[in-house]
Amino acid sequence: MEAGPADSLYTVVDTEHVVALNAAGGAEQGRVVIKDWAGREDETIWLESELDDSLLLHIPFTASVSLRSVTLKAGQAGFRPAEMRVFANAPGLDFSDAESREPTQHFEVVDVREGAEYQVKAAKFASITSLALFFPHNESEGEDEETTRVYYVGLRGSWKPLPNKLDGSVVYESAPRPVDHKNRIGDMGTASRPGF
C-alpha cells in the first residue's frame, strides 16, 4: 500500500462530525470524501449535490491545525465545481453566509481528473479547528448539469493537541477502593466495617 504524505491531516479530521449541506443522501454523506491517501483514487463513492449544484462541506478537527493545502478531486466535465471558497473556523456557516461573506481564500477549480492541490495562505489558516469548503456552482452554471460531484478532499499541514483537551487514556479515581487504601487500625488486628 502506498504511504500517504507525512503532513497529511487525515488522522486529525473529526470524520464522524463532517457534514455536507445540500448533499444527496443527507448531511452525513460529507464524510465519504474524507479518505486516506490510498482511497483518493476510489471513484465508486462520491459526494453529490441534491437540490441544485451548490455544496457546503464542514470539516471539524480534533486538534489545532495549521493548513498548508487542500487537495480536491472533483467530478468530470459538467459535474465539476467551478470554484471553491475556503473558510477558516466557520462551523455554523450556512449557504446564506457563504454567499455573502468574504472567504478566507478563493480558488478556481482546475480541470484535471486526478485531483489538484491548492496551496493556501498559511498565515490565514494557522491554529484552526474547523474548515468549510463552499462550492457555489458547477462549471455548467446550471445549464447542463444541476449536480456537483466531489470524490476526494485531502488536507495537508501540521497540527498540535488542543489546549485543555484531556487525553482519553487518563483514568481518575471517582471513589476510593478499600483494597488500595489499607486501614491502619485493621492492620493492627481490630475488625473494621465500612460505615454509612
Protein backbone atom coordinates (compact mmCIF):
# COMPACT_ATOMS: atom_id res chain seq x y z
CA MET A 1 0.00 0.00 0.00
CA GLU A 2 1.30 3.45 -0.93
CA ALA A 3 2.19 5.63 2.06
CA GLY A 4 0.49 9.00 2.25
CA PRO A 5 2.22 12.33 2.69
CA ALA A 6 3.86 12.75 6.09
CA ASP A 7 1.98 16.03 6.59
CA SER A 8 -1.49 14.57 5.89
CA LEU A 9 -4.14 15.80 8.33
CA TYR A 10 -6.39 12.78 7.76
CA THR A 11 -5.82 11.45 11.29
CA VAL A 12 -7.00 14.69 12.96
CA VAL A 13 -10.17 15.18 10.92
CA ASP A 14 -13.21 14.54 13.14
CA THR A 15 -14.69 12.35 10.40
CA GLU A 16 -17.77 11.40 12.43
CA HIS A 17 -18.85 15.05 12.52
CA VAL A 18 -18.06 16.03 8.90
CA VAL A 19 -21.29 17.22 7.26
CA ALA A 20 -22.30 18.45 3.83
CA LEU A 21 -25.26 20.75 3.26
CA ASN A 22 -27.40 20.01 0.19
CA ALA A 23 -25.90 16.53 -0.12
CA ALA A 24 -27.80 13.74 -1.83
CA GLY A 25 -28.38 11.10 0.85
CA GLY A 26 -28.17 13.51 3.78
CA ALA A 27 -25.63 15.67 5.59
CA GLU A 28 -23.59 12.69 6.84
CA GLN A 29 -22.62 11.93 3.21
CA GLY A 30 -19.98 14.64 3.59
CA ARG A 31 -17.67 12.21 5.32
CA VAL A 32 -17.39 9.92 2.26
CA VAL A 33 -14.91 12.28 0.58
CA ILE A 34 -12.58 12.38 3.60
CA LYS A 35 -10.48 9.38 2.61
CA ASP A 36 -6.98 8.23 3.44
CA TRP A 37 -4.26 8.63 0.83
CA ALA A 38 -4.85 5.18 -0.65
CA GLY A 39 -8.58 5.90 -1.05
CA ARG A 40 -8.11 9.04 -3.14
CA GLU A 41 -8.34 7.05 -6.39
CA ASP A 42 -11.64 5.38 -5.47
CA GLU A 43 -14.34 6.81 -7.73
CA THR A 44 -17.06 4.39 -6.64
CA ILE A 45 -18.06 6.67 -3.75
CA TRP A 46 -18.62 10.41 -4.08
CA LEU A 47 -20.41 13.40 -2.61
CA GLU A 48 -23.13 14.82 -4.82
CA SER A 49 -25.35 17.86 -4.51
CA GLU A 50 -29.09 17.26 -4.30
CA LEU A 51 -31.43 20.20 -4.99
CA ASP A 52 -29.11 22.31 -7.12
CA ASP A 53 -25.40 22.49 -7.95
CA SER A 54 -24.19 24.06 -4.68
CA LEU A 55 -22.45 22.14 -1.88
CA LEU A 56 -21.15 23.22 1.52
CA LEU A 57 -18.77 20.88 3.34
CA HIS A 58 -17.96 21.37 7.05
CA ILE A 59 -14.77 19.68 8.30
CA PRO A 60 -14.02 19.82 12.05
CA PHE A 61 -10.66 18.81 13.51
CA THR A 62 -9.72 17.08 16.77
CA ALA A 63 -6.57 19.22 17.03
CA SER A 64 -5.36 22.75 16.33
CA VAL A 65 -4.37 22.72 12.65
CA SER A 66 -2.10 24.87 10.53
CA LEU A 67 -3.33 24.16 7.00
CA ARG A 68 -0.95 24.24 4.02
CA SER A 69 -3.07 22.84 1.19
CA VAL A 70 -6.37 21.34 0.11
CA THR A 71 -6.37 18.58 -2.50
CA LEU A 72 -9.62 18.30 -4.41
CA LYS A 73 -10.61 15.52 -6.77
CA ALA A 74 -13.81 16.69 -8.41
CA GLY A 75 -16.35 15.36 -10.87
CA GLN A 76 -15.85 15.15 -14.59
CA ALA A 77 -16.96 17.80 -17.08
CA GLY A 78 -20.31 19.32 -16.20
CA PHE A 79 -20.25 17.93 -12.64
CA ARG A 80 -17.02 19.66 -11.62
CA PRO A 81 -17.32 22.63 -9.25
CA ALA A 82 -16.31 25.88 -10.93
CA GLU A 83 -14.87 27.38 -7.74
CA MET A 84 -14.02 26.55 -4.15
CA ARG A 85 -14.39 29.10 -1.38
CA VAL A 86 -12.49 28.16 1.77
CA PHE A 87 -13.48 29.46 5.21
CA ALA A 88 -11.35 29.00 8.33
CA ASN A 89 -13.11 28.48 11.68
CA ALA A 90 -16.68 28.88 10.39
CA PRO A 91 -18.52 25.91 11.98
CA GLY A 92 -22.04 27.39 11.72
CA LEU A 93 -21.68 28.65 8.16
CA ASP A 94 -24.82 28.21 6.04
CA PHE A 95 -25.47 28.93 2.37
CA SER A 96 -26.61 32.50 3.00
CA ASP A 97 -23.46 33.29 4.99
CA ALA A 98 -21.22 31.54 2.48
CA GLU A 99 -22.69 33.62 -0.36
CA SER A 100 -22.43 36.95 1.46
CA ARG A 101 -19.20 36.59 3.47
CA GLU A 102 -15.72 37.04 2.10
CA PRO A 103 -13.97 33.64 2.13
CA THR A 104 -10.62 33.22 3.81
CA GLN A 105 -9.36 32.16 0.38
CA HIS A 106 -10.91 31.55 -3.04
CA PHE A 107 -9.84 29.17 -5.82
CA GLU A 108 -10.95 28.49 -9.37
CA VAL A 109 -11.19 24.70 -9.70
CA VAL A 110 -8.84 23.42 -12.38
CA ASP A 111 -9.85 20.88 -15.00
CA VAL A 112 -7.86 17.78 -14.01
CA ARG A 113 -9.29 14.33 -13.32
CA GLU A 114 -6.58 13.06 -10.97
CA GLY A 115 -7.11 15.85 -8.44
CA ALA A 116 -5.36 19.15 -7.84
CA GLU A 117 -3.61 20.56 -4.81
CA TYR A 118 -4.47 24.14 -3.83
CA GLN A 119 -1.88 25.92 -1.68
CA VAL A 120 -3.47 28.15 0.95
CA LYS A 121 -2.01 31.28 2.53
CA ALA A 122 -0.62 29.60 5.64
CA ALA A 123 -0.89 32.68 7.86
CA LYS A 124 -4.66 32.79 7.29
CA PHE A 125 -5.08 29.12 8.21
CA ALA A 126 -2.94 28.87 11.34
CA SER A 127 -4.42 27.40 14.54
CA ILE A 128 -7.79 26.48 13.07
CA THR A 129 -10.23 23.93 14.48
CA SER A 130 -12.61 23.71 11.53
CA LEU A 131 -12.76 24.31 7.82
CA ALA A 132 -15.68 24.96 5.47
CA LEU A 133 -15.45 24.35 1.72
CA PHE A 134 -18.17 26.04 -0.32
CA PHE A 135 -18.80 25.07 -3.94
CA PRO A 136 -21.42 27.62 -5.10
CA HIS A 137 -22.00 26.10 -8.56
CA ASN A 138 -20.57 23.69 -11.06
CA GLU A 139 -18.83 24.61 -14.30
CA SER A 140 -22.02 24.28 -16.34
CA GLU A 141 -23.59 27.10 -14.25
CA GLY A 142 -26.81 25.07 -14.09
CA GLU A 143 -27.14 24.99 -17.88
CA ASP A 144 -26.43 21.29 -18.43
CA GLU A 145 -25.98 19.64 -15.05
CA GLU A 146 -27.58 20.69 -11.80
CA THR A 147 -25.39 18.29 -9.87
CA THR A 148 -21.92 18.88 -8.44
CA ARG A 149 -19.68 15.93 -7.55
CA VAL A 150 -16.63 15.68 -5.33
CA TYR A 151 -14.68 12.42 -4.97
CA TYR A 152 -11.88 13.30 -2.56
CA VAL A 153 -10.77 16.06 -0.20
CA GLY A 154 -7.26 15.77 1.22
CA LEU A 155 -5.74 18.20 3.70
CA ARG A 156 -2.07 18.80 4.41
CA GLY A 157 -0.36 20.78 7.12
CA SER A 158 0.70 20.41 10.74
CA TRP A 159 -1.20 20.07 13.98
CA LYS A 160 -0.85 20.18 17.73
CA PRO A 161 -3.19 19.00 20.50
CA LEU A 162 -5.91 21.38 21.55
CA PRO A 163 -5.14 23.15 24.83
CA ASN A 164 -7.05 21.80 27.85
CA LYS A 165 -8.12 18.72 25.91
CA LEU A 166 -7.86 15.68 28.15
CA ASP A 167 -6.08 12.62 26.90
CA GLY A 168 -8.60 9.77 26.78
CA SER A 169 -6.13 7.42 28.48
CA VAL A 170 -6.11 9.34 31.77
CA VAL A 171 -8.02 7.48 34.50
CA TYR A 172 -9.36 9.24 37.54
CA GLU A 173 -10.47 7.52 40.74
CA SER A 174 -14.09 8.52 41.34
CA ALA A 175 -14.26 6.65 44.66
CA PRO A 176 -11.51 5.04 46.70
CA ARG A 177 -11.17 1.29 46.53
CA PRO A 178 -10.66 -0.11 50.06
CA VAL A 179 -8.13 -2.65 48.78
CA ASP A 180 -5.92 0.26 47.61
CA HIS A 181 -6.09 2.05 50.98
CA LYS A 182 -5.10 -0.17 53.90
CA ASN A 183 -6.73 0.76 57.19
CA ARG A 184 -4.06 1.08 59.87
CA ILE A 185 -6.50 0.04 62.58
CA GLY A 186 -7.46 -3.03 60.55
CA ASP A 187 -3.76 -3.84 60.15
CA MET A 188 -3.42 -3.97 63.95
CA GLY A 189 -5.96 -6.74 64.24
CA THR A 190 -9.03 -4.64 65.01
CA ALA A 191 -12.03 -5.53 62.90
CA SER A 192 -13.28 -2.68 60.79
CA ARG A 193 -16.51 -2.39 58.91
CA PRO A 194 -17.48 0.21 56.38
CA GLY A 195 -19.92 2.70 57.88
CA PHE A 196 -22.67 4.69 56.23
